[in-house]
Amino acid sequence: MIYDFDELNNIRSMPFEKYFGEMPLTDEQKEKRISISEEFYEMMIYFFELYDLSDDDTEIENALYLRFLAIVSGYKALTEYDREYAKTFASEIVKATKDHANDKYFLSYDRARLVAENEANTLFNRTEHDSAKSEGKTKKQWVDMDDNLVRPTHKAVGGTVIGIDELFSVGTTQMRYPKDYELASDAPEELINCRCCIRYF
């Protein structure tokens, strides 16, 4: 997952305020994403420092795993899915960094920001979907950024309204919401650096 992330992203990182500020989100949604992005960014800087100090991949993965869960637990109750996702995240971040030991990007601030932005979006897209269901919302609409960076498969589904329990057909996969890693992990090209969001009603 994370190796694909580094290979497939086509948008460089930018200040969190700009990245989320351009999205069709409420002020509250933007503030939450910016806040957790800053925490994920600090987590990545911590990982870089740990990576330089230790040769024990298991120790590094476990430290990253625990830091990731500590951040997420500040915003929601942890689930088994959160724990499994954090474990995969930590493992693949370490693997991608080792596999690209001679590439400065993999220990760069740019990578730290890019990972932070994407993890914030992934987390809140999932929690907002769960909240919408618990609040009794029955419909959802896929909203794309409507610019030349949006991938064609996301433009194709942009504006589509379906029932809250239905799935969007995006390229060769299906999703409940943008960046739905749980259902669409087999199609990283549809997940990486996606800036789309959902309106619930």
N, C-alpha and C. Protein backbone atom coordinates (compact mmCIF):
# COMPACT_ATOMS: atom_id res chain seq x y z
N MET A 1 0.83 -1.21 0.00
CA MET A 1 0.00 0.00 0.00
C MET A 1 0.86 1.26 0.00
N ILE A 2 1.80 1.36 0.95
CA ILE A 2 2.57 2.59 1.07
C ILE A 2 3.61 2.70 -0.04
N TYR A 3 4.19 1.56 -0.45
CA TYR A 3 5.11 1.60 -1.60
C TYR A 3 4.37 2.15 -2.81
N ASP A 4 3.18 1.64 -3.05
CA ASP A 4 2.38 2.14 -4.16
C ASP A 4 2.08 3.62 -4.00
N PHE A 5 1.83 4.03 -2.77
CA PHE A 5 1.56 5.44 -2.50
C PHE A 5 2.72 6.30 -3.00
N ASP A 6 3.93 5.93 -2.63
CA ASP A 6 5.09 6.73 -3.01
C ASP A 6 5.34 6.68 -4.50
N GLU A 7 5.02 5.56 -5.12
CA GLU A 7 5.26 5.43 -6.55
C GLU A 7 4.17 6.10 -7.39
N LEU A 8 2.94 6.10 -6.90
CA LEU A 8 1.82 6.51 -7.73
C LEU A 8 1.34 7.94 -7.51
N ASN A 9 1.76 8.59 -6.43
CA ASN A 9 1.23 9.93 -6.21
C ASN A 9 1.66 10.84 -7.36
N ASN A 10 0.76 11.71 -7.78
CA ASN A 10 1.08 12.64 -8.88
C ASN A 10 0.88 14.10 -8.46
N ILE A 11 0.77 14.31 -7.16
CA ILE A 11 0.63 15.67 -6.63
C ILE A 11 1.65 15.81 -5.52
N ARG A 12 2.52 16.76 -5.61
CA ARG A 12 3.49 16.95 -4.54
C ARG A 12 2.79 17.54 -3.33
N SER A 13 3.43 17.44 -2.19
CA SER A 13 2.81 17.96 -0.98
C SER A 13 2.74 19.47 -1.03
N MET A 14 1.86 20.02 -0.21
CA MET A 14 1.71 21.47 -0.11
C MET A 14 1.30 21.79 1.32
N PRO A 15 1.35 23.05 1.74
CA PRO A 15 0.91 23.37 3.10
C PRO A 15 -0.48 22.81 3.37
N PHE A 16 -0.68 22.29 4.57
CA PHE A 16 -1.97 21.65 4.90
C PHE A 16 -3.15 22.60 4.68
N GLU A 17 -2.96 23.87 5.01
CA GLU A 17 -4.05 24.83 4.85
C GLU A 17 -4.47 24.96 3.39
N LYS A 18 -3.50 24.89 2.49
CA LYS A 18 -3.81 24.99 1.05
C LYS A 18 -4.42 23.68 0.55
N TYR A 19 -3.82 22.56 0.94
CA TYR A 19 -4.29 21.24 0.48
C TYR A 19 -5.75 21.04 0.84
N PHE A 20 -6.09 21.25 2.11
CA PHE A 20 -7.47 21.03 2.53
C PHE A 20 -8.35 22.25 2.26
N GLY A 21 -7.72 23.43 2.19
CA GLY A 21 -8.49 24.65 1.94
C GLY A 21 -9.17 24.66 0.59
N GLU A 22 -8.59 23.95 -0.37
CA GLU A 22 -9.17 23.91 -1.72
C GLU A 22 -10.28 22.88 -1.86
N MET A 23 -10.43 22.00 -0.89
CA MET A 23 -11.44 20.95 -0.97
C MET A 23 -12.81 21.49 -0.57
N PRO A 24 -13.86 20.92 -1.15
CA PRO A 24 -15.22 21.37 -0.81
C PRO A 24 -15.68 20.78 0.52
N LEU A 25 -15.05 21.25 1.60
CA LEU A 25 -15.33 20.77 2.95
C LEU A 25 -15.82 21.92 3.81
N THR A 26 -16.48 21.60 4.90
CA THR A 26 -16.87 22.64 5.85
C THR A 26 -15.61 23.11 6.59
N ASP A 27 -15.70 24.27 7.24
CA ASP A 27 -14.57 24.78 8.01
C ASP A 27 -14.17 23.79 9.10
N GLU A 28 -15.15 23.18 9.73
CA GLU A 28 -14.86 22.20 10.79
C GLU A 28 -14.11 21.00 10.23
N GLN A 29 -14.54 20.50 9.07
CA GLN A 29 -13.86 19.36 8.45
C GLN A 29 -12.42 19.72 8.09
N LYS A 30 -12.22 20.92 7.57
CA LYS A 30 -10.86 21.35 7.22
C LYS A 30 -9.98 21.45 8.46
N GLU A 31 -10.53 22.03 9.53
CA GLU A 31 -9.75 22.21 10.76
C GLU A 31 -9.32 20.86 11.33
N LYS A 32 -10.22 19.88 11.33
CA LYS A 32 -9.89 18.56 11.85
C LYS A 32 -8.80 17.90 11.01
N ARG A 33 -8.92 18.00 9.70
CA ARG A 33 -7.91 17.40 8.83
C ARG A 33 -6.54 18.07 8.99
N ILE A 34 -6.54 19.38 9.11
CA ILE A 34 -5.28 20.09 9.30
C ILE A 34 -4.65 19.69 10.63
N SER A 35 -5.46 19.62 11.67
CA SER A 35 -4.96 19.27 13.00
C SER A 35 -4.32 17.89 13.02
N ILE A 36 -5.01 16.90 12.49
CA ILE A 36 -4.43 15.55 12.54
C ILE A 36 -3.28 15.41 11.54
N SER A 37 -3.30 16.18 10.45
CA SER A 37 -2.17 16.16 9.51
C SER A 37 -0.90 16.60 10.21
N GLU A 38 -1.02 17.62 11.04
CA GLU A 38 0.15 18.11 11.78
C GLU A 38 0.70 17.03 12.70
N GLU A 39 -0.20 16.24 13.31
CA GLU A 39 0.24 15.15 14.18
C GLU A 39 0.88 14.03 13.37
N PHE A 40 0.28 13.68 12.24
CA PHE A 40 0.87 12.65 11.39
C PHE A 40 2.23 13.10 10.83
N TYR A 41 2.36 14.38 10.54
CA TYR A 41 3.63 14.92 10.06
C TYR A 41 4.72 14.74 11.12
N GLU A 42 4.40 15.09 12.36
CA GLU A 42 5.36 14.92 13.45
C GLU A 42 5.70 13.45 13.65
N MET A 43 4.71 12.58 13.45
CA MET A 43 4.95 11.13 13.54
C MET A 43 5.97 10.69 12.49
N MET A 44 5.85 11.22 11.26
CA MET A 44 6.79 10.84 10.20
C MET A 44 8.19 11.36 10.50
N ILE A 45 8.31 12.56 11.04
CA ILE A 45 9.62 13.09 11.41
C ILE A 45 10.23 12.22 12.50
N TYR A 46 9.41 11.81 13.46
CA TYR A 46 9.84 10.88 14.51
C TYR A 46 10.34 9.58 13.89
N PHE A 47 9.60 9.06 12.91
CA PHE A 47 10.01 7.83 12.22
C PHE A 47 11.36 8.01 11.54
N PHE A 48 11.56 9.13 10.85
CA PHE A 48 12.84 9.37 10.18
C PHE A 48 14.00 9.33 11.18
N GLU A 49 13.79 9.96 12.33
CA GLU A 49 14.84 9.99 13.35
C GLU A 49 15.12 8.59 13.88
N LEU A 50 14.05 7.84 14.13
CA LEU A 50 14.19 6.47 14.63
C LEU A 50 14.87 5.59 13.59
N TYR A 51 14.53 5.79 12.33
CA TYR A 51 15.11 5.01 11.24
C TYR A 51 16.62 5.22 11.16
N ASP A 52 17.06 6.44 11.44
CA ASP A 52 18.50 6.76 11.42
C ASP A 52 19.24 6.15 12.61
N LEU A 53 18.52 5.93 13.71
CA LEU A 53 19.17 5.49 14.94
C LEU A 53 19.16 3.98 15.15
N SER A 54 18.22 3.28 14.52
CA SER A 54 18.05 1.85 14.79
C SER A 54 18.10 1.02 13.51
N ASP A 55 18.67 -0.18 13.65
CA ASP A 55 18.69 -1.15 12.54
C ASP A 55 17.65 -2.24 12.75
N ASP A 56 16.89 -2.12 13.81
CA ASP A 56 15.90 -3.14 14.16
C ASP A 56 14.54 -2.77 13.55
N ASP A 57 14.22 -3.39 12.41
CA ASP A 57 12.97 -3.05 11.70
C ASP A 57 11.74 -3.32 12.56
N THR A 58 11.76 -4.39 13.34
CA THR A 58 10.62 -4.72 14.19
C THR A 58 10.39 -3.64 15.23
N GLU A 59 11.48 -3.16 15.83
CA GLU A 59 11.37 -2.09 16.83
C GLU A 59 10.82 -0.81 16.19
N ILE A 60 11.30 -0.49 15.00
CA ILE A 60 10.85 0.72 14.31
C ILE A 60 9.38 0.61 13.95
N GLU A 61 8.99 -0.54 13.39
CA GLU A 61 7.59 -0.75 13.00
C GLU A 61 6.67 -0.64 14.21
N ASN A 62 7.06 -1.25 15.32
CA ASN A 62 6.22 -1.22 16.51
C ASN A 62 6.07 0.20 17.06
N ALA A 63 7.17 0.95 17.05
CA ALA A 63 7.11 2.34 17.53
C ALA A 63 6.20 3.18 16.64
N LEU A 64 6.30 2.98 15.33
CA LEU A 64 5.46 3.73 14.39
C LEU A 64 4.00 3.32 14.54
N TYR A 65 3.76 2.03 14.70
CA TYR A 65 2.41 1.49 14.92
C TYR A 65 1.77 2.13 16.15
N LEU A 66 2.49 2.16 17.25
CA LEU A 66 1.95 2.72 18.49
C LEU A 66 1.70 4.22 18.37
N ARG A 67 2.60 4.92 17.71
CA ARG A 67 2.43 6.37 17.53
C ARG A 67 1.19 6.64 16.66
N PHE A 68 1.02 5.87 15.60
CA PHE A 68 -0.14 6.03 14.71
C PHE A 68 -1.44 5.84 15.50
N LEU A 69 -1.51 4.76 16.28
CA LEU A 69 -2.73 4.49 17.05
C LEU A 69 -2.99 5.55 18.11
N ALA A 70 -1.93 6.07 18.70
CA ALA A 70 -2.09 7.12 19.71
C ALA A 70 -2.72 8.36 19.09
N ILE A 71 -2.32 8.68 17.87
CA ILE A 71 -2.89 9.85 17.18
C ILE A 71 -4.36 9.60 16.86
N VAL A 72 -4.66 8.45 16.26
CA VAL A 72 -6.03 8.15 15.86
C VAL A 72 -6.96 8.12 17.07
N SER A 73 -6.48 7.58 18.19
CA SER A 73 -7.32 7.46 19.38
C SER A 73 -7.70 8.82 19.97
N GLY A 74 -7.02 9.87 19.56
CA GLY A 74 -7.39 11.21 19.99
C GLY A 74 -8.59 11.76 19.25
N TYR A 75 -9.03 11.06 18.20
CA TYR A 75 -10.13 11.54 17.37
C TYR A 75 -11.30 10.56 17.31
N LYS A 76 -11.07 9.29 17.66
CA LYS A 76 -12.15 8.31 17.59
C LYS A 76 -11.80 7.11 18.46
N ALA A 77 -12.82 6.32 18.77
CA ALA A 77 -12.57 5.07 19.48
C ALA A 77 -11.90 4.09 18.52
N LEU A 78 -10.84 3.45 18.98
CA LEU A 78 -10.11 2.52 18.12
C LEU A 78 -10.92 1.25 17.87
N THR A 79 -10.82 0.74 16.65
CA THR A 79 -11.46 -0.51 16.27
C THR A 79 -10.39 -1.51 15.84
N GLU A 80 -10.78 -2.75 15.63
CA GLU A 80 -9.83 -3.75 15.15
C GLU A 80 -9.31 -3.36 13.77
N TYR A 81 -10.18 -2.76 12.95
CA TYR A 81 -9.71 -2.31 11.64
C TYR A 81 -8.62 -1.25 11.78
N ASP A 82 -8.77 -0.32 12.71
CA ASP A 82 -7.74 0.70 12.94
C ASP A 82 -6.41 0.04 13.28
N ARG A 83 -6.45 -0.97 14.12
CA ARG A 83 -5.22 -1.65 14.53
C ARG A 83 -4.56 -2.38 13.36
N GLU A 84 -5.38 -3.04 12.56
CA GLU A 84 -4.83 -3.74 11.40
C GLU A 84 -4.28 -2.76 10.37
N TYR A 85 -4.99 -1.67 10.17
CA TYR A 85 -4.53 -0.66 9.22
C TYR A 85 -3.20 -0.05 9.70
N ALA A 86 -3.11 0.26 11.00
CA ALA A 86 -1.89 0.84 11.55
C ALA A 86 -0.71 -0.11 11.41
N LYS A 87 -0.98 -1.41 11.59
CA LYS A 87 0.09 -2.41 11.46
C LYS A 87 0.60 -2.46 10.02
N THR A 88 -0.33 -2.46 9.06
CA THR A 88 0.06 -2.47 7.65
C THR A 88 0.79 -1.19 7.28
N PHE A 89 0.27 -0.07 7.75
CA PHE A 89 0.90 1.22 7.48
C PHE A 89 2.35 1.22 7.94
N ALA A 90 2.58 0.83 9.20
CA ALA A 90 3.93 0.85 9.77
C ALA A 90 4.86 -0.08 9.00
N SER A 91 4.38 -1.28 8.71
CA SER A 91 5.21 -2.24 8.00
C SER A 91 5.61 -1.74 6.62
N GLU A 92 4.67 -1.17 5.89
CA GLU A 92 4.95 -0.78 4.52
C GLU A 92 5.71 0.54 4.42
N ILE A 93 5.53 1.42 5.39
CA ILE A 93 6.35 2.64 5.44
C ILE A 93 7.82 2.25 5.62
N VAL A 94 8.08 1.34 6.57
CA VAL A 94 9.46 0.90 6.82
C VAL A 94 10.02 0.19 5.59
N LYS A 95 9.24 -0.69 4.99
CA LYS A 95 9.71 -1.44 3.83
C LYS A 95 10.04 -0.50 2.67
N ALA A 96 9.15 0.44 2.38
CA ALA A 96 9.39 1.36 1.26
C ALA A 96 10.64 2.20 1.51
N THR A 97 10.85 2.60 2.75
CA THR A 97 12.02 3.41 3.07
C THR A 97 13.31 2.61 2.89
N LYS A 98 13.30 1.35 3.35
CA LYS A 98 14.47 0.50 3.18
C LYS A 98 14.73 0.18 1.71
N ASP A 99 13.66 -0.07 0.96
CA ASP A 99 13.80 -0.42 -0.46
C ASP A 99 14.35 0.75 -1.28
N HIS A 100 14.22 1.97 -0.76
CA HIS A 100 14.67 3.17 -1.47
C HIS A 100 15.71 3.93 -0.63
N ALA A 101 16.62 3.16 -0.04
CA ALA A 101 17.59 3.74 0.90
C ALA A 101 18.45 4.83 0.27
N ASN A 102 18.63 4.79 -1.04
CA ASN A 102 19.49 5.78 -1.70
C ASN A 102 18.71 6.96 -2.29
N ASP A 103 17.41 6.98 -2.05
CA ASP A 103 16.56 8.06 -2.59
C ASP A 103 16.22 9.03 -1.45
N LYS A 104 16.72 10.24 -1.52
CA LYS A 104 16.53 11.23 -0.45
C LYS A 104 15.07 11.54 -0.18
N TYR A 105 14.22 11.40 -1.19
CA TYR A 105 12.79 11.71 -1.02
C TYR A 105 12.19 10.91 0.14
N PHE A 106 12.64 9.66 0.32
CA PHE A 106 11.99 8.77 1.29
C PHE A 106 12.27 9.15 2.74
N LEU A 107 13.18 10.08 2.96
CA LEU A 107 13.42 10.63 4.31
C LEU A 107 13.26 12.15 4.29
N SER A 108 12.37 12.62 3.43
CA SER A 108 12.23 14.07 3.22
C SER A 108 10.98 14.64 3.90
N TYR A 109 11.02 15.96 4.13
CA TYR A 109 9.84 16.66 4.64
C TYR A 109 8.68 16.55 3.65
N ASP A 110 9.00 16.51 2.37
CA ASP A 110 7.96 16.42 1.35
C ASP A 110 7.18 15.12 1.51
N ARG A 111 7.89 14.03 1.70
CA ARG A 111 7.20 12.75 1.91
C ARG A 111 6.40 12.78 3.20
N ALA A 112 6.97 13.36 4.25
CA ALA A 112 6.25 13.43 5.52
C ALA A 112 4.93 14.17 5.37
N ARG A 113 4.95 15.29 4.65
CA ARG A 113 3.71 16.06 4.44
C ARG A 113 2.72 15.27 3.60
N LEU A 114 3.21 14.64 2.54
CA LEU A 114 2.33 13.91 1.64
C LEU A 114 1.63 12.75 2.36
N VAL A 115 2.39 12.00 3.14
CA VAL A 115 1.81 10.92 3.93
C VAL A 115 0.80 11.47 4.92
N ALA A 116 1.15 12.56 5.60
CA ALA A 116 0.27 13.15 6.61
C ALA A 116 -1.06 13.59 6.01
N GLU A 117 -1.00 14.27 4.87
CA GLU A 117 -2.23 14.74 4.20
C GLU A 117 -3.14 13.57 3.84
N ASN A 118 -2.53 12.54 3.27
CA ASN A 118 -3.32 11.40 2.83
C ASN A 118 -3.90 10.60 3.99
N GLU A 119 -3.13 10.44 5.05
CA GLU A 119 -3.65 9.69 6.19
C GLU A 119 -4.79 10.45 6.88
N ALA A 120 -4.69 11.77 6.92
CA ALA A 120 -5.78 12.57 7.50
C ALA A 120 -7.06 12.39 6.69
N ASN A 121 -6.94 12.45 5.38
CA ASN A 121 -8.10 12.28 4.52
C ASN A 121 -8.70 10.89 4.67
N THR A 122 -7.84 9.88 4.69
CA THR A 122 -8.30 8.50 4.82
C THR A 122 -9.08 8.31 6.10
N LEU A 123 -8.54 8.80 7.20
CA LEU A 123 -9.19 8.64 8.50
C LEU A 123 -10.55 9.32 8.54
N PHE A 124 -10.60 10.60 8.13
CA PHE A 124 -11.85 11.34 8.28
C PHE A 124 -12.90 10.95 7.25
N ASN A 125 -12.50 10.51 6.08
CA ASN A 125 -13.51 10.01 5.13
C ASN A 125 -14.24 8.81 5.74
N ARG A 126 -13.49 7.97 6.44
CA ARG A 126 -14.10 6.79 7.06
C ARG A 126 -14.96 7.18 8.26
N THR A 127 -14.46 8.04 9.14
CA THR A 127 -15.23 8.40 10.34
C THR A 127 -16.47 9.21 9.98
N GLU A 128 -16.38 10.05 8.95
CA GLU A 128 -17.55 10.84 8.54
C GLU A 128 -18.62 9.95 7.93
N HIS A 129 -18.22 8.89 7.24
CA HIS A 129 -19.20 7.94 6.70
C HIS A 129 -19.94 7.24 7.84
N ASP A 130 -19.18 6.79 8.84
CA ASP A 130 -19.81 6.12 9.99
C ASP A 130 -20.73 7.08 10.73
N SER A 131 -20.31 8.33 10.90
CA SER A 131 -21.13 9.32 11.60
C SER A 131 -22.42 9.62 10.84
N ALA A 132 -22.30 9.74 9.52
CA ALA A 132 -23.49 10.02 8.70
C ALA A 132 -24.53 8.91 8.85
N LYS A 133 -24.06 7.67 8.88
CA LYS A 133 -24.99 6.55 9.04
C LYS A 133 -25.66 6.59 10.41
N SER A 134 -24.87 6.87 11.45
CA SER A 134 -25.44 6.90 12.80
C SER A 134 -26.40 8.06 12.98
N GLU A 135 -26.23 9.13 12.19
CA GLU A 135 -27.12 10.29 12.26
C GLU A 135 -28.37 10.11 11.42
N GLY A 136 -28.50 8.99 10.73
CA GLY A 136 -29.69 8.71 9.95
C GLY A 136 -29.68 9.26 8.54
N LYS A 137 -28.52 9.71 8.05
CA LYS A 137 -28.44 10.17 6.66
C LYS A 137 -28.69 8.97 5.74
N THR A 138 -29.33 9.21 4.62
CA THR A 138 -29.70 8.09 3.74
C THR A 138 -29.09 8.18 2.34
N LYS A 139 -28.54 9.33 1.97
CA LYS A 139 -27.98 9.51 0.63
C LYS A 139 -26.55 10.07 0.74
N LYS A 140 -25.78 9.84 -0.30
CA LYS A 140 -24.44 10.41 -0.36
C LYS A 140 -24.10 10.76 -1.81
N GLN A 141 -23.27 11.78 -1.96
CA GLN A 141 -22.86 12.26 -3.29
C GLN A 141 -21.34 12.37 -3.34
N TRP A 142 -20.75 11.78 -4.37
CA TRP A 142 -19.30 11.87 -4.58
C TRP A 142 -18.99 13.25 -5.17
N VAL A 143 -18.06 13.96 -4.55
CA VAL A 143 -17.70 15.30 -5.00
C VAL A 143 -16.22 15.31 -5.36
N ASP A 144 -15.91 15.58 -6.64
CA ASP A 144 -14.50 15.66 -7.04
C ASP A 144 -14.07 17.12 -7.08
N MET A 145 -12.77 17.35 -7.25
CA MET A 145 -12.23 18.71 -7.22
C MET A 145 -12.43 19.48 -8.51
N ASP A 146 -12.86 18.80 -9.56
CA ASP A 146 -13.19 19.45 -10.83
C ASP A 146 -12.02 20.30 -11.35
N ASP A 147 -10.81 19.72 -11.31
CA ASP A 147 -9.66 20.39 -11.93
C ASP A 147 -8.90 19.37 -12.77
N ASN A 148 -7.81 19.79 -13.38
CA ASN A 148 -7.11 18.90 -14.30
C ASN A 148 -6.24 17.85 -13.61
N LEU A 149 -6.24 17.83 -12.28
CA LEU A 149 -5.50 16.81 -11.55
C LEU A 149 -6.38 15.63 -11.17
N VAL A 150 -7.70 15.80 -11.30
CA VAL A 150 -8.62 14.71 -10.95
C VAL A 150 -8.49 13.59 -11.98
N ARG A 151 -8.31 12.37 -11.53
CA ARG A 151 -8.17 11.25 -12.47
C ARG A 151 -9.51 10.98 -13.14
N PRO A 152 -9.49 10.54 -14.39
CA PRO A 152 -10.72 10.35 -15.17
C PRO A 152 -11.76 9.46 -14.48
N THR A 153 -11.31 8.43 -13.79
CA THR A 153 -12.26 7.53 -13.13
C THR A 153 -13.01 8.23 -12.00
N HIS A 154 -12.40 9.26 -11.41
CA HIS A 154 -13.06 10.00 -10.34
C HIS A 154 -13.96 11.10 -10.92
N LYS A 155 -13.54 11.66 -12.04
CA LYS A 155 -14.43 12.60 -12.74
C LYS A 155 -15.71 11.90 -13.16
N ALA A 156 -15.57 10.64 -13.59
CA ALA A 156 -16.72 9.88 -14.09
C ALA A 156 -17.77 9.66 -13.00
N VAL A 157 -17.33 9.52 -11.75
CA VAL A 157 -18.28 9.27 -10.66
C VAL A 157 -18.67 10.57 -9.94
N GLY A 158 -17.96 11.66 -10.21
CA GLY A 158 -18.25 12.93 -9.57
C GLY A 158 -19.69 13.38 -9.78
N GLY A 159 -20.33 13.78 -8.69
CA GLY A 159 -21.72 14.22 -8.75
C GLY A 159 -22.73 13.11 -8.56
N THR A 160 -22.30 11.86 -8.61
CA THR A 160 -23.21 10.73 -8.48
C THR A 160 -23.82 10.67 -7.08
N VAL A 161 -25.13 10.48 -7.03
CA VAL A 161 -25.86 10.34 -5.77
C VAL A 161 -26.39 8.92 -5.66
N ILE A 162 -26.10 8.25 -4.54
CA ILE A 162 -26.59 6.89 -4.31
C ILE A 162 -27.01 6.77 -2.84
N GLY A 163 -27.64 5.64 -2.50
CA GLY A 163 -28.00 5.37 -1.12
C GLY A 163 -26.76 5.21 -0.26
N ILE A 164 -26.88 5.52 1.02
CA ILE A 164 -25.70 5.55 1.90
C ILE A 164 -25.04 4.18 2.03
N ASP A 165 -25.79 3.10 1.85
CA ASP A 165 -25.21 1.77 1.95
C ASP A 165 -24.78 1.21 0.59
N GLU A 166 -25.01 1.96 -0.46
CA GLU A 166 -24.59 1.50 -1.78
C GLU A 166 -23.12 1.82 -2.01
N LEU A 167 -22.56 1.25 -3.08
CA LEU A 167 -21.15 1.43 -3.40
C LEU A 167 -20.99 2.20 -4.70
N PHE A 168 -20.01 3.10 -4.71
CA PHE A 168 -19.64 3.80 -5.93
C PHE A 168 -18.75 2.88 -6.77
N SER A 169 -19.01 2.81 -8.06
CA SER A 169 -18.13 2.08 -8.98
C SER A 169 -17.08 3.05 -9.50
N VAL A 170 -15.85 2.82 -9.11
CA VAL A 170 -14.75 3.72 -9.44
C VAL A 170 -13.67 2.92 -10.17
N GLY A 171 -13.55 3.14 -11.46
CA GLY A 171 -12.62 2.34 -12.25
C GLY A 171 -13.00 0.88 -12.18
N THR A 172 -12.06 0.04 -11.73
CA THR A 172 -12.32 -1.40 -11.66
C THR A 172 -12.71 -1.85 -10.26
N THR A 173 -12.92 -0.90 -9.35
CA THR A 173 -13.22 -1.27 -7.97
C THR A 173 -14.48 -0.58 -7.48
N GLN A 174 -14.86 -0.85 -6.24
CA GLN A 174 -16.01 -0.21 -5.62
C GLN A 174 -15.61 0.36 -4.27
N MET A 175 -16.24 1.47 -3.92
CA MET A 175 -15.93 2.14 -2.66
C MET A 175 -17.19 2.70 -2.02
N ARG A 176 -17.16 2.81 -0.69
CA ARG A 176 -18.23 3.50 0.03
C ARG A 176 -18.00 5.00 0.00
N TYR A 177 -16.74 5.40 -0.09
CA TYR A 177 -16.33 6.81 -0.05
C TYR A 177 -14.92 6.89 -0.60
N PRO A 178 -14.43 8.08 -0.97
CA PRO A 178 -13.06 8.21 -1.47
C PRO A 178 -12.04 7.71 -0.45
N LYS A 179 -10.99 7.07 -0.93
CA LYS A 179 -9.91 6.52 -0.11
C LYS A 179 -10.40 5.40 0.80
N ASP A 180 -11.32 4.58 0.29
CA ASP A 180 -11.85 3.45 1.04
C ASP A 180 -10.89 2.26 0.92
N TYR A 181 -9.82 2.30 1.72
CA TYR A 181 -8.80 1.25 1.66
C TYR A 181 -9.35 -0.11 2.02
N GLU A 182 -10.37 -0.15 2.86
CA GLU A 182 -10.90 -1.43 3.30
C GLU A 182 -11.50 -2.21 2.14
N LEU A 183 -12.20 -1.54 1.23
CA LEU A 183 -12.84 -2.21 0.10
C LEU A 183 -12.00 -2.18 -1.17
N ALA A 184 -11.14 -1.17 -1.32
CA ALA A 184 -10.47 -0.96 -2.60
C ALA A 184 -8.94 -1.08 -2.53
N SER A 185 -8.44 -1.86 -1.58
CA SER A 185 -6.99 -1.98 -1.43
C SER A 185 -6.34 -2.63 -2.64
N ASP A 186 -7.15 -3.30 -3.47
CA ASP A 186 -6.61 -3.93 -4.67
C ASP A 186 -6.45 -2.94 -5.82
N ALA A 187 -6.84 -1.69 -5.61
CA ALA A 187 -6.75 -0.67 -6.67
C ALA A 187 -6.11 0.60 -6.13
N PRO A 188 -4.82 0.53 -5.77
CA PRO A 188 -4.17 1.72 -5.17
C PRO A 188 -4.19 2.93 -6.09
N GLU A 189 -4.27 2.70 -7.39
CA GLU A 189 -4.31 3.83 -8.33
C GLU A 189 -5.57 4.67 -8.17
N GLU A 190 -6.59 4.14 -7.50
CA GLU A 190 -7.82 4.89 -7.25
C GLU A 190 -7.83 5.54 -5.87
N LEU A 191 -6.84 5.22 -5.05
CA LEU A 191 -6.81 5.70 -3.67
C LEU A 191 -5.75 6.76 -3.42
N ILE A 192 -4.62 6.61 -4.09
CA ILE A 192 -3.46 7.44 -3.79
C ILE A 192 -3.73 8.91 -4.08
N ASN A 193 -3.52 9.73 -3.06
CA ASN A 193 -3.63 11.19 -3.19
C ASN A 193 -4.98 11.67 -3.71
N CYS A 194 -6.02 10.91 -3.46
CA CYS A 194 -7.36 11.34 -3.87
C CYS A 194 -7.81 12.51 -3.00
N ARG A 195 -8.32 13.55 -3.64
CA ARG A 195 -8.78 14.74 -2.92
C ARG A 195 -10.30 14.86 -2.94
N CYS A 196 -10.98 13.81 -3.41
CA CYS A 196 -12.45 13.85 -3.47
C CYS A 196 -13.03 13.72 -2.06
N CYS A 197 -14.30 14.08 -1.95
CA CYS A 197 -14.98 13.95 -0.66
C CYS A 197 -16.43 13.54 -0.92
N ILE A 198 -17.19 13.42 0.15
CA ILE A 198 -18.60 12.98 0.06
C ILE A 198 -19.50 13.99 0.76
N ARG A 199 -20.65 14.27 0.15
CA ARG A 199 -21.72 15.01 0.83
C ARG A 199 -22.78 14.03 1.24
N TYR A 200 -23.20 14.12 2.50
CA TYR A 200 -24.25 13.23 3.02
C TYR A 200 -25.52 14.05 3.26
N PHE A 201 -26.64 13.43 3.01
CA PHE A 201 -27.92 14.12 3.27
C PHE A 201 -29.04 13.11 3.42
